[in-house]
């Protein structure tokens, strides 16, 4: 019985931890409260008067404690509403990540199967570069996860002032590889960077400022220092 995720999966999850956490905050602030309905053939999701185009990422069965990817659902396989989930599966095959390619992921051996399901949803969101995910109950023991696929959803902007908090928050989510958290965030925002030894990354921010991220001997983030562009 599997009781943990593979290193390949955790490394992938870490790449999306910082920007993904920031994006989920933006999505939750954007979504109005209210009951939800979905028209899967039309790829539509409605909540509190807001209509969004969505994709089905996957479902979590609380009784079986298992995750099924949307592309593997017999009733949805091959349809437009699981196209993004199918893209996640193709990415998993290309990068050798079994958790993204197994039709059903058994989570019963995990200490917290529900948290493991959320980690799968979070990573699928990241791989698909979706602006968050929406998890809602679809029955007494089933949680369905949607990916917004709609330009209405705002994207979390890079904010230099909150960047240290964003990186440290991301590094604390999974705790596998803080360096992957930083690299993934910089890649997501297309920030050029250079590596200085084994313990330092210096990235260029829009406007000419820089951010220096230092790592301690255990690979943890030891500091995040912003340097403003000097005037004149």
Protein backbone atom coordinates (compact mmCIF):
# COMPACT_ATOMS: atom_id res chain seq x y z
CA UNK A 1 0.00 0.00 0.00
CA UNK A 2 1.42 3.35 -1.04
CA UNK A 3 1.70 5.82 1.83
CA UNK A 4 3.49 8.70 0.15
CA UNK A 5 3.92 10.37 -3.21
CA UNK A 6 6.95 9.76 -5.43
CA UNK A 7 9.87 12.19 -5.55
CA UNK A 8 9.00 12.97 -9.18
CA UNK A 9 5.47 13.98 -8.21
CA UNK A 10 6.54 15.99 -5.16
CA UNK A 11 9.16 17.86 -7.19
CA UNK A 12 6.47 18.75 -9.73
CA UNK A 13 4.05 19.80 -7.00
CA UNK A 14 6.70 22.06 -5.47
CA UNK A 15 7.20 23.91 -8.75
CA UNK A 16 3.66 25.24 -8.47
CA UNK A 17 3.50 25.76 -4.70
CA UNK A 18 4.26 29.49 -4.46
CA UNK A 19 2.43 30.83 -7.50
CA UNK A 20 -0.39 28.31 -7.07
CA UNK A 21 -1.07 29.30 -3.47
CA UNK A 22 -1.16 32.97 -4.47
CA UNK A 23 -3.49 32.14 -7.36
CA UNK A 24 -5.89 30.22 -5.15
CA UNK A 25 -6.20 33.27 -2.90
CA UNK A 26 -7.14 35.35 -5.94
CA UNK A 27 -9.67 32.77 -7.13
CA UNK A 28 -11.35 32.45 -3.73
CA UNK A 29 -11.71 36.23 -3.52
CA UNK A 30 -13.20 36.27 -7.02
CA UNK A 31 -15.76 33.48 -6.60
CA UNK A 32 -19.06 34.63 -5.10
CA UNK A 33 -20.68 32.58 -2.37
CA UNK A 34 -23.67 30.49 -3.29
CA UNK A 35 -24.86 27.10 -4.47
CA UNK A 36 -23.26 25.62 -7.55
CA UNK A 37 -24.51 23.84 -10.64
CA UNK A 38 -22.64 22.46 -13.64
CA UNK A 39 -23.47 21.61 -17.24
CA UNK A 40 -20.63 19.24 -18.11
CA UNK A 41 -21.33 18.83 -21.86
CA UNK A 42 -21.25 22.63 -22.14
CA UNK A 43 -18.19 22.94 -19.85
CA UNK A 44 -20.12 25.45 -17.74
CA UNK A 45 -20.08 26.04 -13.99
CA UNK A 46 -22.36 28.47 -12.15
CA UNK A 47 -21.97 29.72 -8.59
CA UNK A 48 -23.64 32.68 -6.97
CA UNK A 49 -24.66 34.17 -10.30
CA UNK A 50 -21.22 33.78 -11.89
CA UNK A 51 -20.89 31.61 -14.99
CA UNK A 52 -17.50 30.13 -15.82
CA UNK A 53 -16.10 27.81 -18.44
CA UNK A 54 -14.48 24.91 -16.58
CA UNK A 55 -12.87 21.51 -16.99
CA UNK A 56 -13.29 18.48 -14.75
CA UNK A 57 -9.91 17.68 -13.23
CA UNK A 58 -10.86 14.72 -11.04
CA UNK A 59 -12.96 13.35 -8.19
CA UNK A 60 -12.17 12.16 -4.69
CA UNK A 61 -14.11 9.23 -3.26
CA UNK A 62 -14.19 9.64 0.53
CA UNK A 63 -15.32 6.07 1.19
CA UNK A 64 -12.77 4.41 -1.07
CA UNK A 65 -10.22 7.11 -0.26
CA UNK A 66 -9.17 7.25 -3.87
CA UNK A 67 -8.71 9.85 -6.59
CA UNK A 68 -9.90 9.40 -10.18
CA UNK A 69 -8.63 11.71 -12.89
CA UNK A 70 -11.30 13.29 -15.07
CA UNK A 71 -9.82 11.79 -18.24
CA UNK A 72 -10.29 8.31 -16.71
CA UNK A 73 -13.97 8.77 -15.77
CA UNK A 74 -15.92 6.32 -17.98
CA UNK A 75 -18.76 8.80 -18.42
CA UNK A 76 -16.48 11.67 -19.43
CA UNK A 77 -13.55 10.02 -21.19
CA UNK A 78 -12.76 11.69 -24.51
CA UNK A 79 -15.12 14.63 -24.00
CA UNK A 80 -14.23 18.31 -24.10
CA UNK A 81 -14.81 18.83 -20.39
CA UNK A 82 -11.82 16.61 -19.50
CA UNK A 83 -9.44 17.98 -22.16
CA UNK A 84 -7.32 19.80 -19.57
CA UNK A 85 -7.14 16.71 -17.38
CA UNK A 86 -6.01 14.72 -20.44
CA UNK A 87 -3.24 17.27 -20.95
CA UNK A 88 -2.10 16.64 -17.37
CA UNK A 89 -1.96 12.91 -18.14
CA UNK A 90 0.16 13.52 -21.24
CA UNK A 91 2.52 15.69 -19.21
CA UNK A 92 2.81 12.91 -16.65
CA UNK A 93 3.74 10.39 -19.32
CA UNK A 94 6.33 12.71 -20.82
CA UNK A 95 7.95 13.29 -17.42
CA UNK A 96 7.52 9.86 -15.85
CA UNK A 97 5.14 10.92 -13.06
CA UNK A 98 2.95 7.90 -12.26
CA UNK A 99 0.51 9.81 -10.07
CA UNK A 100 -0.54 11.84 -13.12
CA UNK A 101 -0.96 8.81 -15.39
CA UNK A 102 -2.66 6.23 -13.13
CA UNK A 103 -6.40 6.32 -13.79
CA UNK A 104 -7.15 5.90 -10.08
CA UNK A 105 -4.71 6.84 -7.31
CA UNK A 106 -5.18 4.85 -4.10
CA UNK A 107 -4.80 7.25 -1.15
CA UNK A 108 -5.93 4.89 1.60
CA UNK A 109 -2.37 4.44 2.90
CA UNK A 110 -1.82 8.15 3.47
CA UNK A 111 -2.10 9.62 6.96
CA UNK A 112 -4.49 12.25 5.55
CA UNK A 113 -6.10 10.97 2.32
CA UNK A 114 -8.17 14.13 1.88
CA UNK A 115 -5.07 16.32 2.02
CA UNK A 116 -3.41 13.96 -0.48
CA UNK A 117 -6.37 14.44 -2.83
CA UNK A 118 -6.01 18.21 -2.50
CA UNK A 119 -2.32 17.87 -3.36
CA UNK A 120 -3.25 15.97 -6.53
CA UNK A 121 -5.77 18.68 -7.44
CA UNK A 122 -3.24 21.41 -6.70
CA UNK A 123 -0.57 19.77 -8.84
CA UNK A 124 -2.99 19.12 -11.69
CA UNK A 125 -3.93 22.79 -11.56
CA UNK A 126 -0.27 23.73 -11.77
CA UNK A 127 0.57 21.43 -14.65
CA UNK A 128 -2.45 22.75 -16.57
CA UNK A 129 -1.46 26.33 -15.64
CA UNK A 130 -5.05 26.91 -14.62
CA UNK A 131 -6.00 29.93 -12.48
CA UNK A 132 -6.86 27.79 -9.47
CA UNK A 133 -9.18 24.87 -8.81
CA UNK A 134 -12.65 24.55 -7.33
CA UNK A 135 -13.47 21.59 -5.09
CA UNK A 136 -17.16 21.05 -4.31
CA UNK A 137 -19.26 18.16 -2.94
CA UNK A 138 -20.96 16.13 -5.67
CA UNK A 139 -22.61 13.64 -3.33
CA UNK A 140 -22.50 12.35 0.25
CA UNK A 141 -19.01 10.88 -0.23
CA UNK A 142 -17.70 12.47 -3.42
CA UNK A 143 -15.80 15.68 -4.02
CA UNK A 144 -15.40 16.91 -7.60
CA UNK A 145 -12.62 19.25 -8.66
CA UNK A 146 -12.99 21.74 -11.51
CA UNK A 147 -10.35 23.83 -13.24
CA UNK A 148 -11.47 27.30 -14.34
CA UNK A 149 -10.77 27.69 -18.05
CA UNK A 150 -12.09 31.20 -18.43
CA UNK A 151 -10.38 34.60 -18.94
CA UNK A 152 -12.79 36.14 -16.43
CA UNK A 153 -10.71 34.68 -13.59
CA UNK A 154 -7.98 37.17 -12.63
CA UNK A 155 -4.38 36.03 -12.44
CA UNK A 156 -2.22 36.68 -9.40
CA UNK A 157 0.30 39.36 -10.29
CA UNK A 158 3.92 39.39 -9.21
CA UNK A 159 4.16 41.74 -6.24
CA UNK A 160 7.76 42.47 -5.16
CA UNK A 161 6.63 43.66 -1.73
CA UNK A 162 4.87 40.40 -0.88
CA UNK A 163 7.37 38.18 -2.75
CA UNK A 164 9.27 37.03 0.37
CA UNK A 165 6.01 35.95 2.04
CA UNK A 166 4.82 34.30 -1.17
CA UNK A 167 7.98 32.20 -1.52
CA UNK A 168 8.13 31.24 2.16
CA UNK A 169 4.43 30.32 2.18
CA UNK A 170 4.94 28.15 -0.89
CA UNK A 171 7.98 26.47 0.62
CA UNK A 172 5.95 25.55 3.70
CA UNK A 173 3.10 23.84 1.85
CA UNK A 174 4.79 20.57 0.92
CA UNK A 175 8.29 20.83 2.34
CA UNK A 176 10.01 18.64 -0.25
CA UNK A 177 12.27 21.04 -2.15
CA UNK A 178 12.22 24.78 -1.44
CA UNK A 179 14.54 25.31 -4.39
CA UNK A 180 11.93 23.82 -6.72
CA UNK A 181 9.38 26.22 -5.22
CA UNK A 182 11.59 29.19 -6.10
CA UNK A 183 12.54 27.91 -9.56
CA UNK A 184 8.92 27.17 -10.37
CA UNK A 185 7.77 30.61 -9.30
CA UNK A 186 10.45 32.31 -11.38
CA UNK A 187 9.58 30.15 -14.39
CA UNK A 188 5.87 30.89 -14.00
CA UNK A 189 6.54 34.63 -14.14
CA UNK A 190 9.24 34.27 -16.82
CA UNK A 191 11.88 35.96 -14.70
CA UNK A 192 15.50 35.73 -15.86
CA UNK A 193 17.89 34.61 -13.15
CA UNK A 194 21.40 33.46 -12.42
CA UNK A 195 22.71 30.95 -9.91
CA UNK A 196 25.54 31.97 -7.62
CA UNK A 197 27.08 28.83 -6.17
CA UNK A 198 24.85 26.20 -4.62
CA UNK A 199 23.14 28.51 -2.18
CA UNK A 200 21.94 31.60 -4.05
CA UNK A 201 19.63 32.58 -6.91
CA UNK A 202 19.43 36.17 -8.16
CA UNK A 203 16.44 37.02 -10.35
CA UNK A 204 15.57 40.17 -12.29
CA UNK A 205 12.17 41.71 -11.56
CA UNK A 206 10.13 43.88 -13.90
CA UNK A 207 11.36 47.46 -13.72
CA UNK A 208 14.99 46.55 -13.12
CA UNK A 209 14.94 45.57 -9.44
CA UNK A 210 16.36 42.24 -8.34
CA UNK A 211 15.54 39.61 -5.74
CA UNK A 212 18.17 37.42 -4.13
CA UNK A 213 17.07 34.12 -2.59
CA UNK A 214 19.56 32.41 -0.30
CA UNK A 215 19.42 28.78 0.86
CA UNK A 216 20.90 27.27 4.01
CA UNK A 217 22.99 24.05 4.02
CA UNK A 218 19.79 21.99 4.37
CA UNK A 219 18.29 23.57 1.25
CA UNK A 220 15.78 25.72 3.09
CA UNK A 221 15.12 29.35 2.16
CA UNK A 222 17.41 31.37 4.43
CA UNK A 223 16.52 34.80 3.15
CA UNK A 224 14.79 36.78 0.41
CA UNK A 225 16.31 40.20 -0.24
CA UNK A 226 14.90 42.78 -2.65
CA UNK A 227 17.21 45.37 -4.22
CA UNK A 228 15.54 48.35 -5.87
CA UNK A 229 16.87 49.83 -9.06
CA UNK A 230 19.01 52.81 -8.17
CA UNK A 231 17.87 56.12 -9.62
CA UNK A 232 20.25 58.34 -11.51
